[in-house]
Amino acid sequence: MRAFAVVLCAALLLGAEPEPAPSPNPYAILARARDVFHAHVRPPYVVYNLDRREWIDDHARDDLSYTLRVWYRSRDGAALNRLWYQARHRAVGDLYFIRPAFNQPVDPGPPTADIFEPAPPSPPSTPPPPDKLRTIGTVQVSGDLDYRATLAGTDHGSYHLKLQALRDPERNRLRELWVDVTSFEVQRARAVDRLFLEDGGVSVPDRMDITFESRNGLPLIHRIEAIADVIPTLATLIRREEGDYLFDDISFPEVLPDWYFEPKTYGQHFRESPSR
């Protein structure tokens, strides 16, 4: 009788449904992806082409489309820019000093940009009140408190995270991430940004879909597809502006001349201007 009971129990155990594996913690995935992203050492200099194409209400705008050759210095975001002519396979013409950045009235970049970095804070409209209270102590909180994270599923070997900014959505810009399930490298991101219009610095919300490529183990922005909806006004009848930004021909020189990042000296160095 005892042997029969043992056999019966074993049969019941074999027929039992296995418990489903627990779902990965989205906050742990987000934290790991950010740590892996920041573990890569950014090169001191980046040289690349930025190919920009614009459409307004589904019509191509050649006057807003161009290709730049960019010589970028990582420590301060300074960059020398020249127009790139594909037919001549070289950069020619005037020298421009631009600091590529997201959420600013300039082209986004560089390809090594930190997508986890919050956008710069907006200047306060009124000065803050004087601090008359004495600081008694401070409290440190561990963990990522910038976003509420949920796991939307696994998509072609990547965790798909949906993110909601817990505070200051203009600064904490990420809305979705695709993270490799093995390496935790970021493969794709969706973020909000600002598109600055030509009339008086007015800006409108911009939605960016960012894809990455790996170069020698370093995650680089490969392409940005941006869409902005514009409210028509008497000054403009634009309803939708789309931008495509392609980063290619990327290299990492160990050093670049200091004058590249000193625009006041461009005139005296024009004869030695770089073309590649």
C-alpha atoms as a PDB file:
ATOM      1  CA  MET A   1       0.000   0.000   0.000  1.00  0.00           C
ATOM      2  CA  ARG A   2       2.824   2.340   0.864  1.00  0.00           C
ATOM      3  CA  ALA A   3       4.582   1.601  -2.440  1.00  0.00           C
ATOM      4  CA  PHE A   4       1.355   2.387  -4.344  1.00  0.00           C
ATOM      5  CA  ALA A   5       1.101   5.743  -2.572  1.00  0.00           C
ATOM      6  CA  VAL A   6       4.657   6.612  -3.561  1.00  0.00           C
ATOM      7  CA  VAL A   7       3.979   5.729  -7.206  1.00  0.00           C
ATOM      8  CA  LEU A   8       0.742   7.753  -7.162  1.00  0.00           C
ATOM      9  CA  CYS A   9       2.521  10.812  -5.750  1.00  0.00           C
ATOM     10  CA  ALA A  10       5.255  10.533  -8.378  1.00  0.00           C
ATOM     11  CA  ALA A  11       2.658  10.326 -11.146  1.00  0.00           C
ATOM     12  CA  LEU A  12       0.888  13.412  -9.828  1.00  0.00           C
ATOM     13  CA  LEU A  13       4.171  15.307  -9.686  1.00  0.00           C
ATOM     14  CA  LEU A  14       5.097  14.331 -13.231  1.00  0.00           C
ATOM     15  CA  GLY A  15       1.743  15.508 -14.514  1.00  0.00           C
ATOM     16  CA  ALA A  16       1.826  18.825 -12.669  1.00  0.00           C
ATOM     17  CA  GLU A  17       2.164  21.992 -14.730  1.00  0.00           C
ATOM     18  CA  PRO A  18       5.577  23.647 -14.212  1.00  0.00           C
ATOM     19  CA  GLU A  19       5.456  27.075 -12.628  1.00  0.00           C
ATOM     20  CA  PRO A  20       6.136  29.885 -15.125  1.00  0.00           C
ATOM     21  CA  ALA A  21       9.505  31.571 -14.841  1.00  0.00           C
ATOM     22  CA  PRO A  22       9.302  34.959 -13.127  1.00  0.00           C
ATOM     23  CA  SER A  23       9.315  37.960 -15.481  1.00  0.00           C
ATOM     24  CA  PRO A  24      12.562  39.954 -15.535  1.00  0.00           C
ATOM     25  CA  ASN A  25      12.508  43.089 -13.429  1.00  0.00           C
ATOM     26  CA  PRO A  26      12.243  46.079 -15.814  1.00  0.00           C
ATOM     27  CA  TYR A  27      14.009  48.387 -13.352  1.00  0.00           C
ATOM     28  CA  ALA A  28      16.924  45.952 -13.130  1.00  0.00           C
ATOM     29  CA  ILE A  29      17.094  45.785 -16.943  1.00  0.00           C
ATOM     30  CA  LEU A  30      17.072  49.588 -17.190  1.00  0.00           C
ATOM     31  CA  ALA A  31      19.782  49.958 -14.544  1.00  0.00           C
ATOM     32  CA  ARG A  32      21.954  47.262 -16.139  1.00  0.00           C
ATOM     33  CA  ALA A  33      21.550  48.781 -19.622  1.00  0.00           C
ATOM     34  CA  ARG A  34      22.543  52.207 -18.325  1.00  0.00           C
ATOM     35  CA  ASP A  35      25.582  50.800 -16.497  1.00  0.00           C
ATOM     36  CA  VAL A  36      26.718  48.844 -19.570  1.00  0.00           C
ATOM     37  CA  PHE A  37      26.249  51.930 -21.756  1.00  0.00           C
ATOM     38  CA  HIS A  38      28.286  54.105 -19.394  1.00  0.00           C
ATOM     39  CA  ALA A  39      30.995  51.454 -18.984  1.00  0.00           C
ATOM     40  CA  HIS A  40      32.202  52.171 -22.517  1.00  0.00           C
ATOM     41  CA  VAL A  41      35.013  54.716 -22.597  1.00  0.00           C
ATOM     42  CA  ARG A  42      34.097  57.532 -24.986  1.00  0.00           C
ATOM     43  CA  PRO A  43      36.941  58.551 -27.333  1.00  0.00           C
ATOM     44  CA  PRO A  44      38.318  62.088 -26.871  1.00  0.00           C
ATOM     45  CA  TYR A  45      37.683  62.994 -30.537  1.00  0.00           C
ATOM     46  CA  VAL A  46      35.105  61.836 -33.075  1.00  0.00           C
ATOM     47  CA  VAL A  47      35.070  62.625 -36.794  1.00  0.00           C
ATOM     48  CA  TYR A  48      31.924  61.773 -38.737  1.00  0.00           C
ATOM     49  CA  ASN A  49      29.479  62.684 -41.478  1.00  0.00           C
ATOM     50  CA  LEU A  50      25.956  63.774 -40.585  1.00  0.00           C
ATOM     51  CA  ASP A  51      23.551  63.400 -43.484  1.00  0.00           C
ATOM     52  CA  ARG A  52      20.320  65.323 -42.819  1.00  0.00           C
ATOM     53  CA  ARG A  53      17.179  65.010 -44.956  1.00  0.00           C
ATOM     54  CA  GLU A  54      13.976  66.964 -44.287  1.00  0.00           C
ATOM     55  CA  TRP A  55      10.363  66.612 -45.389  1.00  0.00           C
ATOM     56  CA  ILE A  56       7.542  69.063 -44.697  1.00  0.00           C
ATOM     57  CA  ASP A  57       4.008  67.741 -45.138  1.00  0.00           C
ATOM     58  CA  ASP A  58       5.473  64.787 -47.118  1.00  0.00           C
ATOM     59  CA  HIS A  59       7.341  67.088 -49.519  1.00  0.00           C
ATOM     60  CA  ALA A  60      11.137  66.824 -49.671  1.00  0.00           C
ATOM     61  CA  ARG A  61      12.885  70.061 -48.736  1.00  0.00           C
ATOM     62  CA  ASP A  62      16.256  70.219 -50.449  1.00  0.00           C
ATOM     63  CA  ASP A  63      16.890  73.661 -48.941  1.00  0.00           C
ATOM     64  CA  LEU A  64      16.832  72.097 -45.449  1.00  0.00           C
ATOM     65  CA  SER A  65      18.832  68.991 -46.424  1.00  0.00           C
ATOM     66  CA  TYR A  66      22.621  68.763 -46.363  1.00  0.00           C
ATOM     67  CA  THR A  67      25.603  66.692 -45.284  1.00  0.00           C
ATOM     68  CA  LEU A  68      28.142  67.932 -42.759  1.00  0.00           C
ATOM     69  CA  ARG A  69      31.632  66.723 -41.984  1.00  0.00           C
ATOM     70  CA  VAL A  70      32.112  67.131 -38.229  1.00  0.00           C
ATOM     71  CA  TRP A  71      35.305  67.174 -36.129  1.00  0.00           C
ATOM     72  CA  TYR A  72      34.090  66.820 -32.526  1.00  0.00           C
ATOM     73  CA  ARG A  73      35.852  67.174 -29.156  1.00  0.00           C
ATOM     74  CA  SER A  74      34.176  65.120 -26.442  1.00  0.00           C
ATOM     75  CA  ARG A  75      35.240  66.980 -23.298  1.00  0.00           C
ATOM     76  CA  ASP A  76      33.333  70.177 -24.096  1.00  0.00           C
ATOM     77  CA  GLY A  77      31.139  69.320 -27.102  1.00  0.00           C
ATOM     78  CA  ALA A  78      32.972  71.763 -29.388  1.00  0.00           C
ATOM     79  CA  ALA A  79      33.011  70.919 -33.093  1.00  0.00           C
ATOM     80  CA  LEU A  80      34.336  72.196 -36.399  1.00  0.00           C
ATOM     81  CA  ASN A  81      31.818  71.692 -39.239  1.00  0.00           C
ATOM     82  CA  ARG A  82      32.081  71.945 -43.025  1.00  0.00           C
ATOM     83  CA  LEU A  83      29.663  71.072 -45.806  1.00  0.00           C
ATOM     84  CA  TRP A  84      30.389  67.683 -47.367  1.00  0.00           C
ATOM     85  CA  TYR A  85      30.081  67.169 -51.120  1.00  0.00           C
ATOM     86  CA  GLN A  86      29.604  63.510 -51.959  1.00  0.00           C
ATOM     87  CA  ALA A  87      30.511  63.946 -55.635  1.00  0.00           C
ATOM     88  CA  ARG A  88      33.930  65.305 -54.625  1.00  0.00           C
ATOM     89  CA  HIS A  89      34.167  63.056 -51.560  1.00  0.00           C
ATOM     90  CA  ARG A  90      35.473  65.879 -49.442  1.00  0.00           C
ATOM     91  CA  ALA A  91      34.421  68.788 -47.255  1.00  0.00           C
ATOM     92  CA  VAL A  92      34.775  72.252 -48.726  1.00  0.00           C
ATOM     93  CA  GLY A  93      33.738  75.827 -48.080  1.00  0.00           C
ATOM     94  CA  ASP A  94      33.320  77.832 -44.908  1.00  0.00           C
ATOM     95  CA  LEU A  95      34.215  76.651 -41.416  1.00  0.00           C
ATOM     96  CA  TYR A  96      31.418  76.573 -38.843  1.00  0.00           C
ATOM     97  CA  PHE A  97      31.714  76.240 -35.084  1.00  0.00           C
ATOM     98  CA  ILE A  98      28.749  74.227 -33.720  1.00  0.00           C
ATOM     99  CA  ARG A  99      28.179  72.199 -30.581  1.00  0.00           C
ATOM    100  CA  PRO A 100      26.025  69.231 -31.704  1.00  0.00           C
ATOM    101  CA  ALA A 101      23.435  68.398 -29.055  1.00  0.00           C
ATOM    102  CA  PHE A 102      19.968  67.064 -28.447  1.00  0.00           C
ATOM    103  CA  ASN A 103      17.127  69.328 -27.358  1.00  0.00           C
ATOM    104  CA  GLN A 104      18.921  72.391 -28.720  1.00  0.00           C
ATOM    105  CA  PRO A 105      18.532  74.564 -31.873  1.00  0.00           C
ATOM    106  CA  VAL A 106      21.371  72.643 -33.596  1.00  0.00           C
ATOM    107  CA  ASP A 107      21.711  69.261 -35.277  1.00  0.00           C
ATOM    108  CA  PRO A 108      21.659  66.284 -32.879  1.00  0.00           C
ATOM    109  CA  GLY A 109      24.801  64.343 -32.116  1.00  0.00           C
ATOM    110  CA  PRO A 110      27.455  63.190 -31.867  1.00  0.00           C
ATOM    111  CA  PRO A 111      27.145  59.426 -32.554  1.00  0.00           C
ATOM    112  CA  THR A 112      28.743  58.819 -29.135  1.00  0.00           C
ATOM    113  CA  ALA A 113      26.109  60.926 -27.318  1.00  0.00           C
ATOM    114  CA  ASP A 114      24.855  59.739 -23.918  1.00  0.00           C
ATOM    115  CA  ILE A 115      21.166  59.003 -24.432  1.00  0.00           C
ATOM    116  CA  PHE A 116      20.684  58.524 -20.689  1.00  0.00           C
ATOM    117  CA  GLU A 117      21.862  62.047 -19.913  1.00  0.00           C
ATOM    118  CA  PRO A 118      19.001  64.415 -19.005  1.00  0.00           C
ATOM    119  CA  ALA A 119      18.465  67.424 -21.227  1.00  0.00           C
ATOM    120  CA  PRO A 120      19.765  70.726 -19.811  1.00  0.00           C
ATOM    121  CA  PRO A 121      17.284  72.347 -17.434  1.00  0.00           C
ATOM    122  CA  SER A 122      15.202  75.190 -18.795  1.00  0.00           C
ATOM    123  CA  PRO A 123      16.175  78.580 -17.369  1.00  0.00           C
ATOM    124  CA  PRO A 124      13.786  79.643 -14.588  1.00  0.00           C
ATOM    125  CA  SER A 125      11.272  82.325 -15.533  1.00  0.00           C
ATOM    126  CA  THR A 126      11.705  84.009 -12.151  1.00  0.00           C
ATOM    127  CA  PRO A 127      14.701  83.930  -9.827  1.00  0.00           C
ATOM    128  CA  PRO A 128      14.422  81.368  -7.025  1.00  0.00           C
ATOM    129  CA  PRO A 129      13.701  82.709  -3.530  1.00  0.00           C
ATOM    130  CA  PRO A 130      16.699  83.147  -1.233  1.00  0.00           C
ATOM    131  CA  ASP A 131      17.516  80.115   0.873  1.00  0.00           C
ATOM    132  CA  LYS A 132      17.000  81.224   4.465  1.00  0.00           C
ATOM    133  CA  LEU A 133      16.720  77.726   5.922  1.00  0.00           C
ATOM    134  CA  ARG A 134      19.690  75.951   7.385  1.00  0.00           C
ATOM    135  CA  THR A 135      20.460  72.529   5.915  1.00  0.00           C
ATOM    136  CA  ILE A 136      20.155  69.941   8.692  1.00  0.00           C
ATOM    137  CA  GLY A 137      20.989  66.843   6.685  1.00  0.00           C
ATOM    138  CA  THR A 138      20.685  65.134   3.320  1.00  0.00           C
ATOM    139  CA  VAL A 139      19.248  61.794   2.263  1.00  0.00           C
ATOM    140  CA  GLN A 140      20.622  59.647  -0.559  1.00  0.00           C
ATOM    141  CA  VAL A 141      18.282  57.291  -2.417  1.00  0.00           C
ATOM    142  CA  SER A 142      19.672  54.409  -4.455  1.00  0.00           C
ATOM    143  CA  GLY A 143      18.114  53.236  -7.714  1.00  0.00           C
ATOM    144  CA  ASP A 144      16.767  54.912 -10.829  1.00  0.00           C
ATOM    145  CA  LEU A 145      14.005  57.331  -9.883  1.00  0.00           C
ATOM    146  CA  ASP A 146      13.801  59.119 -13.241  1.00  0.00           C
ATOM    147  CA  TYR A 147      11.430  56.665 -14.912  1.00  0.00           C
ATOM    148  CA  ARG A 148       8.612  54.245 -14.297  1.00  0.00           C
ATOM    149  CA  ALA A 149       9.626  51.151 -16.282  1.00  0.00           C
ATOM    150  CA  THR A 150       7.467  48.316 -17.609  1.00  0.00           C
ATOM    151  CA  LEU A 151       8.509  45.311 -19.677  1.00  0.00           C
ATOM    152  CA  ALA A 152       6.507  45.254 -22.919  1.00  0.00           C
ATOM    153  CA  GLY A 153       7.967  41.894 -23.977  1.00  0.00           C
ATOM    154  CA  THR A 154      10.925  40.405 -25.812  1.00  0.00           C
ATOM    155  CA  ASP A 155      11.417  41.495 -29.416  1.00  0.00           C
ATOM    156  CA  HIS A 156      13.963  39.673 -31.621  1.00  0.00           C
ATOM    157  CA  GLY A 157      16.352  38.978 -28.761  1.00  0.00           C
ATOM    158  CA  SER A 158      15.850  42.340 -27.056  1.00  0.00           C
ATOM    159  CA  TYR A 159      13.983  43.377 -23.945  1.00  0.00           C
ATOM    160  CA  HIS A 160      11.455  46.025 -24.901  1.00  0.00           C
ATOM    161  CA  LEU A 161      11.027  48.551 -22.093  1.00  0.00           C
ATOM    162  CA  LYS A 162       8.430  51.288 -21.942  1.00  0.00           C
ATOM    163  CA  LEU A 163       9.429  54.266 -19.837  1.00  0.00           C
ATOM    164  CA  GLN A 164       7.465  57.079 -18.264  1.00  0.00           C
ATOM    165  CA  ALA A 165       9.234  60.080 -16.782  1.00  0.00           C
ATOM    166  CA  LEU A 166       8.432  60.373 -13.081  1.00  0.00           C
ATOM    167  CA  ARG A 167       9.393  64.042 -13.028  1.00  0.00           C
ATOM    168  CA  ASP A 168      10.319  66.696 -15.574  1.00  0.00           C
ATOM    169  CA  PRO A 169       9.408  64.887 -18.847  1.00  0.00           C
ATOM    170  CA  GLU A 170      11.221  67.577 -20.848  1.00  0.00           C
ATOM    171  CA  ARG A 171      14.532  66.587 -19.257  1.00  0.00           C
ATOM    172  CA  ASN A 172      14.054  62.813 -18.858  1.00  0.00           C
ATOM    173  CA  ARG A 173      13.462  62.188 -22.537  1.00  0.00           C
ATOM    174  CA  LEU A 174      13.489  58.398 -22.995  1.00  0.00           C
ATOM    175  CA  ARG A 175      10.155  56.708 -23.715  1.00  0.00           C
ATOM    176  CA  GLU A 176      11.154  53.248 -24.993  1.00  0.00           C
ATOM    177  CA  LEU A 177      14.300  51.108 -25.023  1.00  0.00           C
ATOM    178  CA  TRP A 178      15.289  47.882 -26.749  1.00  0.00           C
ATOM    179  CA  VAL A 179      18.078  46.139 -24.797  1.00  0.00           C
ATOM    180  CA  ASP A 180      19.933  42.990 -25.859  1.00  0.00           C
ATOM    181  CA  VAL A 181      18.911  40.118 -23.549  1.00  0.00           C
ATOM    182  CA  THR A 182      22.491  38.804 -23.308  1.00  0.00           C
ATOM    183  CA  SER A 183      24.831  41.795 -23.426  1.00  0.00           C
ATOM    184  CA  PHE A 184      22.359  44.460 -22.174  1.00  0.00           C
ATOM    185  CA  GLU A 185      23.600  46.770 -24.921  1.00  0.00           C
ATOM    186  CA  VAL A 186      21.069  49.359 -26.081  1.00  0.00           C
ATOM    187  CA  GLN A 187      19.997  48.620 -29.656  1.00  0.00           C
ATOM    188  CA  ARG A 188      17.207  51.118 -30.149  1.00  0.00           C
ATOM    189  CA  ALA A 189      15.558  53.972 -28.280  1.00  0.00           C
ATOM    190  CA  ARG A 190      12.603  56.274 -28.638  1.00  0.00           C
ATOM    191  CA  ALA A 191      12.880  59.704 -27.074  1.00  0.00           C
ATOM    192  CA  VAL A 192      11.212  63.086 -27.079  1.00  0.00           C
ATOM    193  CA  ASP A 193      13.086  66.180 -28.164  1.00  0.00           C
ATOM    194  CA  ARG A 194      12.433  69.728 -29.376  1.00  0.00           C
ATOM    195  CA  LEU A 195      12.368  70.913 -32.972  1.00  0.00           C
ATOM    196  CA  PHE A 196      13.328  74.586 -33.152  1.00  0.00           C
ATOM    197  CA  LEU A 197      11.570  76.422 -35.952  1.00  0.00           C
ATOM    198  CA  GLU A 198      13.149  79.238 -37.919  1.00  0.00           C
ATOM    199  CA  ASP A 199      10.774  81.956 -36.744  1.00  0.00           C
ATOM    200  CA  GLY A 200      12.140  83.447 -33.551  1.00  0.00           C
ATOM    201  CA  GLY A 201      13.423  80.337 -31.832  1.00  0.00           C
ATOM    202  CA  VAL A 202       9.966  78.793 -31.341  1.00  0.00           C
ATOM    203  CA  SER A 203      10.128  75.062 -30.676  1.00  0.00           C
ATOM    204  CA  VAL A 204       7.640  72.196 -30.874  1.00  0.00           C
ATOM    205  CA  PRO A 205       7.753  68.637 -29.467  1.00  0.00           C
ATOM    206  CA  ASP A 206       9.774  66.216 -31.591  1.00  0.00           C
ATOM    207  CA  ARG A 207       9.616  62.402 -31.451  1.00  0.00           C
ATOM    208  CA  MET A 208      12.833  60.531 -32.217  1.00  0.00           C
ATOM    209  CA  ASP A 209      13.391  56.887 -33.121  1.00  0.00           C
ATOM    210  CA  ILE A 210      17.103  56.153 -32.600  1.00  0.00           C
ATOM    211  CA  THR A 211      18.920  53.042 -33.810  1.00  0.00           C
ATOM    212  CA  PHE A 212      22.422  52.007 -32.769  1.00  0.00           C
ATOM    213  CA  GLU A 213      25.316  50.118 -34.294  1.00  0.00           C
ATOM    214  CA  SER A 214      28.385  48.671 -32.605  1.00  0.00           C
ATOM    215  CA  ARG A 215      31.870  49.738 -33.655  1.00  0.00           C
ATOM    216  CA  ASN A 216      34.691  47.885 -31.881  1.00  0.00           C
ATOM    217  CA  GLY A 217      32.260  47.190 -29.045  1.00  0.00           C
ATOM    218  CA  LEU A 218      31.250  50.856 -28.725  1.00  0.00           C
ATOM    219  CA  PRO A 219      27.526  51.632 -29.192  1.00  0.00           C
ATOM    220  CA  LEU A 220      27.104  54.443 -31.722  1.00  0.00           C
ATOM    221  CA  ILE A 221      24.008  56.255 -32.929  1.00  0.00           C
ATOM    222  CA  HIS A 222      23.512  55.135 -36.517  1.00  0.00           C
ATOM    223  CA  ARG A 223      20.224  56.770 -37.484  1.00  0.00           C
ATOM    224  CA  ILE A 224      17.597  59.111 -36.047  1.00  0.00           C
ATOM    225  CA  GLU A 225      14.124  59.377 -37.538  1.00  0.00           C
ATOM    226  CA  ALA A 226      12.305  62.409 -36.125  1.00  0.00           C
ATOM    227  CA  ILE A 227       8.691  63.539 -36.502  1.00  0.00           C
ATOM    228  CA  ALA A 228       7.225  66.816 -35.255  1.00  0.00           C
ATOM    229  CA  ASP A 229       3.604  67.933 -35.483  1.00  0.00           C
ATOM    230  CA  VAL A 230       3.274  71.678 -35.964  1.00  0.00           C
ATOM    231  CA  ILE A 231       0.130  73.707 -35.250  1.00  0.00           C
ATOM    232  CA  PRO A 232      -0.542  75.852 -38.354  1.00  0.00           C
ATOM    233  CA  THR A 233      -0.495  79.609 -37.802  1.00  0.00           C
ATOM    234  CA  LEU A 234      -0.855  82.703 -39.974  1.00  0.00           C
ATOM    235  CA  ALA A 235       2.934  82.722 -40.316  1.00  0.00           C
ATOM    236  CA  THR A 236       3.249  79.075 -41.368  1.00  0.00           C
ATOM    237  CA  LEU A 237       0.891  76.446 -42.732  1.00  0.00           C
ATOM    238  CA  ILE A 238       3.232  73.578 -41.852  1.00  0.00           C
ATOM    239  CA  ARG A 239       1.473  70.655 -40.214  1.00  0.00           C
ATOM    240  CA  ARG A 240       4.200  68.009 -40.033  1.00  0.00           C
ATOM    241  CA  GLU A 241       7.995  68.056 -40.303  1.00  0.00           C
ATOM    242  CA  GLU A 242      10.080  64.894 -40.613  1.00  0.00           C
ATOM    243  CA  GLY A 243      13.834  64.599 -40.340  1.00  0.00           C
ATOM    244  CA  ASP A 244      16.225  61.754 -41.072  1.00  0.00           C
ATOM    245  CA  TYR A 245      19.742  61.935 -39.632  1.00  0.00           C
ATOM    246  CA  LEU A 246      22.329  59.370 -40.716  1.00  0.00           C
ATOM    247  CA  PHE A 247      25.728  59.141 -38.996  1.00  0.00           C
ATOM    248  CA  ASP A 248      28.461  57.440 -41.026  1.00  0.00           C
ATOM    249  CA  ASP A 249      32.142  57.534 -42.044  1.00  0.00           C
ATOM    250  CA  ILE A 250      33.022  57.619 -38.331  1.00  0.00           C
ATOM    251  CA  SER A 251      36.571  57.596 -36.991  1.00  0.00           C
ATOM    252  CA  PHE A 252      38.274  58.265 -33.670  1.00  0.00           C
ATOM    253  CA  PRO A 253      41.573  60.142 -34.081  1.00  0.00           C
ATOM    254  CA  GLU A 254      43.796  60.252 -31.038  1.00  0.00           C
ATOM    255  CA  VAL A 255      44.346  63.988 -31.383  1.00  0.00           C
ATOM    256  CA  LEU A 256      43.096  66.952 -33.411  1.00  0.00           C
ATOM    257  CA  PRO A 257      44.621  70.458 -33.663  1.00  0.00           C
ATOM    258  CA  ASP A 258      43.447  72.849 -30.967  1.00  0.00           C
ATOM    259  CA  TRP A 259      42.559  75.530 -33.516  1.00  0.00           C
ATOM    260  CA  TYR A 260      39.689  73.334 -34.826  1.00  0.00           C
ATOM    261  CA  PHE A 261      37.805  74.351 -31.683  1.00  0.00           C
ATOM    262  CA  GLU A 262      38.779  78.038 -31.582  1.00  0.00           C
ATOM    263  CA  PRO A 263      36.447  79.776 -34.060  1.00  0.00           C
ATOM    264  CA  LYS A 264      38.162  83.163 -33.700  1.00  0.00           C
ATOM    265  CA  THR A 265      41.238  81.668 -35.403  1.00  0.00           C
ATOM    266  CA  TYR A 266      39.425  80.071 -38.349  1.00  0.00           C
ATOM    267  CA  GLY A 267      40.365  82.922 -40.695  1.00  0.00           C
ATOM    268  CA  GLN A 268      44.112  82.580 -40.200  1.00  0.00           C
ATOM    269  CA  HIS A 269      43.969  78.770 -40.520  1.00  0.00           C
ATOM    270  CA  PHE A 270      41.650  78.546 -43.524  1.00  0.00           C
ATOM    271  CA  ARG A 271      44.407  77.343 -45.876  1.00  0.00           C
ATOM    272  CA  GLU A 272      44.970  74.310 -43.650  1.00  0.00           C
ATOM    273  CA  SER A 273      41.271  73.490 -43.241  1.00  0.00           C
ATOM    274  CA  PRO A 274      40.561  69.751 -43.062  1.00  0.00           C
ATOM    275  CA  SER A 275      38.617  68.151 -45.897  1.00  0.00           C
ATOM    276  CA  ARG A 276      38.203  64.624 -44.477  1.00  0.00           C
END
